[in-house]
Amino acid sequence: MELTESRNLKTVDFALRLAAALLSLVALSLLLSASHYLPSGLPLSAFKPFEYLLIGSAGGLIHSAIQAGVSAWYCCRTHSLTTHACYYPHFRFAKDMVCTLLLLSSSSAVLGATTLNDFLRDSKYIEQANAAAALSLFAFLCLINSTIISFYRLPCHI
């Protein structure tokens, strides 16, 4: 029995990557705008988990946007998602896993740090950082589902 890829699977993969890119973009912008609410004299680098979330959201945005852009480019070039070729599927799967784990670990680090930080407990910075972490977790959910699709597509290229 031959395993083939369906058009719906590629469409769902494209939609998940696009949603992850948008969620990462909003999380990144929330975190950057939250830095205006820091108490005077405190740099953003004083809060290491927030820097980690900044890097994780930027990585998720770049990875998801590039993957969605490649899918969109193939779609525009061939006028259909069904002929989309996945070059180096094992490398794509590995990139998906690394990016997914980066988003998960950075989001959980921020959520853990905000519950332990008494200095900024009722700060608007903490509220926006928690919102950015929640959006990063939603981006993680989109990327983990896309990673499952990438794993499913591996036997198609053997």
C-alpha atoms as a PDB file:
ATOM      1  CA  MET A   1       0.000   0.000   0.000  1.00  0.00           C
ATOM      2  CA  GLU A   2       1.430   3.335  -1.032  1.00  0.00           C
ATOM      3  CA  LEU A   3       1.253   6.280   1.326  1.00  0.00           C
ATOM      4  CA  THR A   4       0.264   9.469  -0.456  1.00  0.00           C
ATOM      5  CA  GLU A   5      -0.180  12.995   0.788  1.00  0.00           C
ATOM      6  CA  SER A   6      -3.555  14.607   0.501  1.00  0.00           C
ATOM      7  CA  ARG A   7      -4.300  18.203  -0.391  1.00  0.00           C
ATOM      8  CA  ASN A   8      -6.194  18.699   2.871  1.00  0.00           C
ATOM      9  CA  LEU A   9      -3.158  17.637   4.878  1.00  0.00           C
ATOM     10  CA  LYS A  10      -0.974  20.205   3.125  1.00  0.00           C
ATOM     11  CA  THR A  11      -3.618  22.883   3.567  1.00  0.00           C
ATOM     12  CA  VAL A  12      -3.874  22.157   7.298  1.00  0.00           C
ATOM     13  CA  ASP A  13      -0.075  22.194   7.591  1.00  0.00           C
ATOM     14  CA  PHE A  14       0.066  25.580   5.837  1.00  0.00           C
ATOM     15  CA  ALA A  15      -2.724  27.000   8.025  1.00  0.00           C
ATOM     16  CA  LEU A  16      -1.044  25.775  11.232  1.00  0.00           C
ATOM     17  CA  ARG A  17       2.289  27.303  10.266  1.00  0.00           C
ATOM     18  CA  LEU A  18       0.625  30.593   9.351  1.00  0.00           C
ATOM     19  CA  ALA A  19      -1.276  30.640  12.664  1.00  0.00           C
ATOM     20  CA  ALA A  20       1.924  29.899  14.591  1.00  0.00           C
ATOM     21  CA  ALA A  21       3.708  32.738  12.799  1.00  0.00           C
ATOM     22  CA  LEU A  22       0.919  35.189  13.604  1.00  0.00           C
ATOM     23  CA  LEU A  23       0.692  34.100  17.248  1.00  0.00           C
ATOM     24  CA  SER A  24       4.467  34.397  17.632  1.00  0.00           C
ATOM     25  CA  LEU A  25       4.373  37.859  16.065  1.00  0.00           C
ATOM     26  CA  VAL A  26       1.688  39.049  18.484  1.00  0.00           C
ATOM     27  CA  ALA A  27       3.541  37.494  21.448  1.00  0.00           C
ATOM     28  CA  LEU A  28       6.757  39.170  20.371  1.00  0.00           C
ATOM     29  CA  SER A  29       5.083  42.566  20.001  1.00  0.00           C
ATOM     30  CA  LEU A  30       3.361  42.199  23.388  1.00  0.00           C
ATOM     31  CA  LEU A  31       6.645  41.390  25.067  1.00  0.00           C
ATOM     32  CA  LEU A  32       8.442  44.285  23.406  1.00  0.00           C
ATOM     33  CA  SER A  33       5.691  46.745  24.302  1.00  0.00           C
ATOM     34  CA  ALA A  34       5.683  45.459  27.885  1.00  0.00           C
ATOM     35  CA  SER A  35       9.258  46.658  28.353  1.00  0.00           C
ATOM     36  CA  HIS A  36       7.881  50.223  28.586  1.00  0.00           C
ATOM     37  CA  TYR A  37       6.182  49.302  31.862  1.00  0.00           C
ATOM     38  CA  LEU A  38       9.336  48.223  33.668  1.00  0.00           C
ATOM     39  CA  PRO A  39      10.187  50.208  36.784  1.00  0.00           C
ATOM     40  CA  SER A  40      12.728  52.906  36.072  1.00  0.00           C
ATOM     41  CA  GLY A  41      16.291  51.786  36.107  1.00  0.00           C
ATOM     42  CA  LEU A  42      15.560  48.114  35.390  1.00  0.00           C
ATOM     43  CA  PRO A  43      16.688  46.843  31.995  1.00  0.00           C
ATOM     44  CA  LEU A  44      14.934  44.003  30.211  1.00  0.00           C
ATOM     45  CA  SER A  45      18.057  41.893  30.671  1.00  0.00           C
ATOM     46  CA  ALA A  46      17.381  41.858  34.433  1.00  0.00           C
ATOM     47  CA  PHE A  47      14.642  39.295  33.754  1.00  0.00           C
ATOM     48  CA  LYS A  48      16.284  36.314  32.067  1.00  0.00           C
ATOM     49  CA  PRO A  49      13.094  34.274  31.418  1.00  0.00           C
ATOM     50  CA  PHE A  50      11.591  37.214  29.543  1.00  0.00           C
ATOM     51  CA  GLU A  51      14.685  37.448  27.351  1.00  0.00           C
ATOM     52  CA  TYR A  52      14.366  33.717  26.735  1.00  0.00           C
ATOM     53  CA  LEU A  53      10.721  34.160  25.684  1.00  0.00           C
ATOM     54  CA  LEU A  54      11.777  37.006  23.396  1.00  0.00           C
ATOM     55  CA  ILE A  55      14.283  34.705  21.686  1.00  0.00           C
ATOM     56  CA  GLY A  56      11.811  31.807  21.608  1.00  0.00           C
ATOM     57  CA  SER A  57       9.051  33.918  20.064  1.00  0.00           C
ATOM     58  CA  ALA A  58      11.436  35.375  17.507  1.00  0.00           C
ATOM     59  CA  GLY A  59      12.658  31.895  16.598  1.00  0.00           C
ATOM     60  CA  GLY A  60       9.096  30.615  16.314  1.00  0.00           C
ATOM     61  CA  LEU A  61       8.144  33.568  14.147  1.00  0.00           C
ATOM     62  CA  ILE A  62      11.109  33.180  11.805  1.00  0.00           C
ATOM     63  CA  HIS A  63      10.750  29.408  11.462  1.00  0.00           C
ATOM     64  CA  SER A  64       6.976  29.438  10.949  1.00  0.00           C
ATOM     65  CA  ALA A  65       7.046  32.385   8.564  1.00  0.00           C
ATOM     66  CA  ILE A  66       9.754  30.799   6.409  1.00  0.00           C
ATOM     67  CA  GLN A  67       7.952  27.450   6.273  1.00  0.00           C
ATOM     68  CA  ALA A  68       4.586  29.071   5.488  1.00  0.00           C
ATOM     69  CA  GLY A  69       6.285  31.294   2.913  1.00  0.00           C
ATOM     70  CA  VAL A  70       7.838  28.291   1.174  1.00  0.00           C
ATOM     71  CA  SER A  71       4.444  26.588   1.047  1.00  0.00           C
ATOM     72  CA  ALA A  72       2.810  29.753  -0.299  1.00  0.00           C
ATOM     73  CA  TRP A  73       5.561  30.156  -2.895  1.00  0.00           C
ATOM     74  CA  TYR A  74       5.028  26.616  -4.157  1.00  0.00           C
ATOM     75  CA  CYS A  75       1.281  27.217  -4.205  1.00  0.00           C
ATOM     76  CA  CYS A  76       1.641  30.409  -6.252  1.00  0.00           C
ATOM     77  CA  ARG A  77       4.171  28.821  -8.586  1.00  0.00           C
ATOM     78  CA  THR A  78       2.163  25.696  -9.345  1.00  0.00           C
ATOM     79  CA  HIS A  79      -1.326  27.063  -8.563  1.00  0.00           C
ATOM     80  CA  SER A  80      -2.033  24.170  -6.229  1.00  0.00           C
ATOM     81  CA  LEU A  81      -0.876  22.804  -2.914  1.00  0.00           C
ATOM     82  CA  THR A  82      -0.967  19.222  -4.184  1.00  0.00           C
ATOM     83  CA  THR A  83       2.339  19.431  -6.056  1.00  0.00           C
ATOM     84  CA  HIS A  84       4.214  20.963  -3.122  1.00  0.00           C
ATOM     85  CA  ALA A  85       7.474  19.114  -2.722  1.00  0.00           C
ATOM     86  CA  CYS A  86       9.109  18.822   0.661  1.00  0.00           C
ATOM     87  CA  TYR A  87      12.858  18.861   0.230  1.00  0.00           C
ATOM     88  CA  TYR A  88      14.914  17.363   3.044  1.00  0.00           C
ATOM     89  CA  PRO A  89      11.927  16.123   5.088  1.00  0.00           C
ATOM     90  CA  HIS A  90      14.112  14.781   7.928  1.00  0.00           C
ATOM     91  CA  PHE A  91      15.786  18.174   8.299  1.00  0.00           C
ATOM     92  CA  ARG A  92      12.385  19.889   8.271  1.00  0.00           C
ATOM     93  CA  PHE A  93      11.121  17.527  10.953  1.00  0.00           C
ATOM     94  CA  ALA A  94      14.203  18.192  13.108  1.00  0.00           C
ATOM     95  CA  LYS A  95      13.746  21.975  12.731  1.00  0.00           C
ATOM     96  CA  ASP A  96      10.103  21.622  13.700  1.00  0.00           C
ATOM     97  CA  MET A  97      11.020  19.690  16.840  1.00  0.00           C
ATOM     98  CA  VAL A  98      13.703  22.166  17.931  1.00  0.00           C
ATOM     99  CA  CYS A  99      11.462  25.183  17.387  1.00  0.00           C
ATOM    100  CA  THR A 100       8.543  23.506  19.147  1.00  0.00           C
ATOM    101  CA  LEU A 101      10.615  22.632  22.200  1.00  0.00           C
ATOM    102  CA  LEU A 102      12.105  26.145  22.276  1.00  0.00           C
ATOM    103  CA  LEU A 103       8.625  27.693  22.368  1.00  0.00           C
ATOM    104  CA  LEU A 104       7.449  25.302  25.073  1.00  0.00           C
ATOM    105  CA  SER A 105      10.453  25.791  27.339  1.00  0.00           C
ATOM    106  CA  SER A 106      10.522  29.574  26.993  1.00  0.00           C
ATOM    107  CA  SER A 107       6.780  29.905  27.677  1.00  0.00           C
ATOM    108  CA  SER A 108       6.924  27.679  30.729  1.00  0.00           C
ATOM    109  CA  ALA A 109       9.986  29.534  32.046  1.00  0.00           C
ATOM    110  CA  VAL A 110       8.138  32.846  31.897  1.00  0.00           C
ATOM    111  CA  LEU A 111       4.964  31.468  33.464  1.00  0.00           C
ATOM    112  CA  GLY A 112       7.023  29.983  36.285  1.00  0.00           C
ATOM    113  CA  ALA A 113       9.010  33.169  36.809  1.00  0.00           C
ATOM    114  CA  THR A 114       5.984  35.458  36.970  1.00  0.00           C
ATOM    115  CA  THR A 115       4.375  33.468  39.770  1.00  0.00           C
ATOM    116  CA  LEU A 116       7.563  33.657  41.854  1.00  0.00           C
ATOM    117  CA  ASN A 117       8.367  37.328  41.286  1.00  0.00           C
ATOM    118  CA  ASP A 118       6.976  39.355  44.205  1.00  0.00           C
ATOM    119  CA  PHE A 119       8.681  42.581  43.147  1.00  0.00           C
ATOM    120  CA  LEU A 120       6.474  43.094  40.081  1.00  0.00           C
ATOM    121  CA  ARG A 121       3.406  41.122  41.153  1.00  0.00           C
ATOM    122  CA  ASP A 122       0.706  43.662  40.171  1.00  0.00           C
ATOM    123  CA  SER A 123       2.655  45.266  37.361  1.00  0.00           C
ATOM    124  CA  LYS A 124       1.310  45.778  33.869  1.00  0.00           C
ATOM    125  CA  TYR A 125       4.601  44.310  32.652  1.00  0.00           C
ATOM    126  CA  ILE A 126       3.799  40.969  34.269  1.00  0.00           C
ATOM    127  CA  GLU A 127       0.294  40.967  32.791  1.00  0.00           C
ATOM    128  CA  GLN A 128       1.618  41.541  29.279  1.00  0.00           C
ATOM    129  CA  ALA A 129       4.426  39.033  29.757  1.00  0.00           C
ATOM    130  CA  ASN A 130       1.884  36.425  30.852  1.00  0.00           C
ATOM    131  CA  ALA A 131      -0.251  37.208  27.796  1.00  0.00           C
ATOM    132  CA  ALA A 132       2.816  36.823  25.566  1.00  0.00           C
ATOM    133  CA  ALA A 133       3.629  33.493  27.226  1.00  0.00           C
ATOM    134  CA  ALA A 134       0.050  32.299  26.703  1.00  0.00           C
ATOM    135  CA  LEU A 135       0.201  33.248  23.024  1.00  0.00           C
ATOM    136  CA  SER A 136       3.510  31.428  22.730  1.00  0.00           C
ATOM    137  CA  LEU A 137       1.852  28.348  24.192  1.00  0.00           C
ATOM    138  CA  PHE A 138      -0.874  28.596  21.542  1.00  0.00           C
ATOM    139  CA  ALA A 139       1.842  28.921  18.897  1.00  0.00           C
ATOM    140  CA  PHE A 140       3.432  25.820  20.444  1.00  0.00           C
ATOM    141  CA  LEU A 141       0.149  23.938  19.991  1.00  0.00           C
ATOM    142  CA  CYS A 142       0.015  24.942  16.327  1.00  0.00           C
ATOM    143  CA  LEU A 143       3.633  23.944  15.779  1.00  0.00           C
ATOM    144  CA  ILE A 144       3.323  20.612  17.566  1.00  0.00           C
ATOM    145  CA  ASN A 145       0.405  19.682  15.320  1.00  0.00           C
ATOM    146  CA  SER A 146       2.430  20.763  12.298  1.00  0.00           C
ATOM    147  CA  THR A 147       5.322  18.653  13.592  1.00  0.00           C
ATOM    148  CA  ILE A 148       3.011  15.648  13.795  1.00  0.00           C
ATOM    149  CA  ILE A 149       2.079  16.272  10.158  1.00  0.00           C
ATOM    150  CA  SER A 150       5.790  16.492   9.273  1.00  0.00           C
ATOM    151  CA  PHE A 151       6.351  13.182  11.039  1.00  0.00           C
ATOM    152  CA  TYR A 152       3.457  11.650   9.125  1.00  0.00           C
ATOM    153  CA  ARG A 153       4.953  12.895   5.841  1.00  0.00           C
ATOM    154  CA  LEU A 154       8.350  11.261   6.440  1.00  0.00           C
ATOM    155  CA  PRO A 155       7.424   7.824   4.973  1.00  0.00           C
ATOM    156  CA  CYS A 156       6.276   9.543   1.760  1.00  0.00           C
ATOM    157  CA  HIS A 157       9.885  10.480   1.006  1.00  0.00           C
ATOM    158  CA  ILE A 158      11.699   7.247   1.773  1.00  0.00           C
END
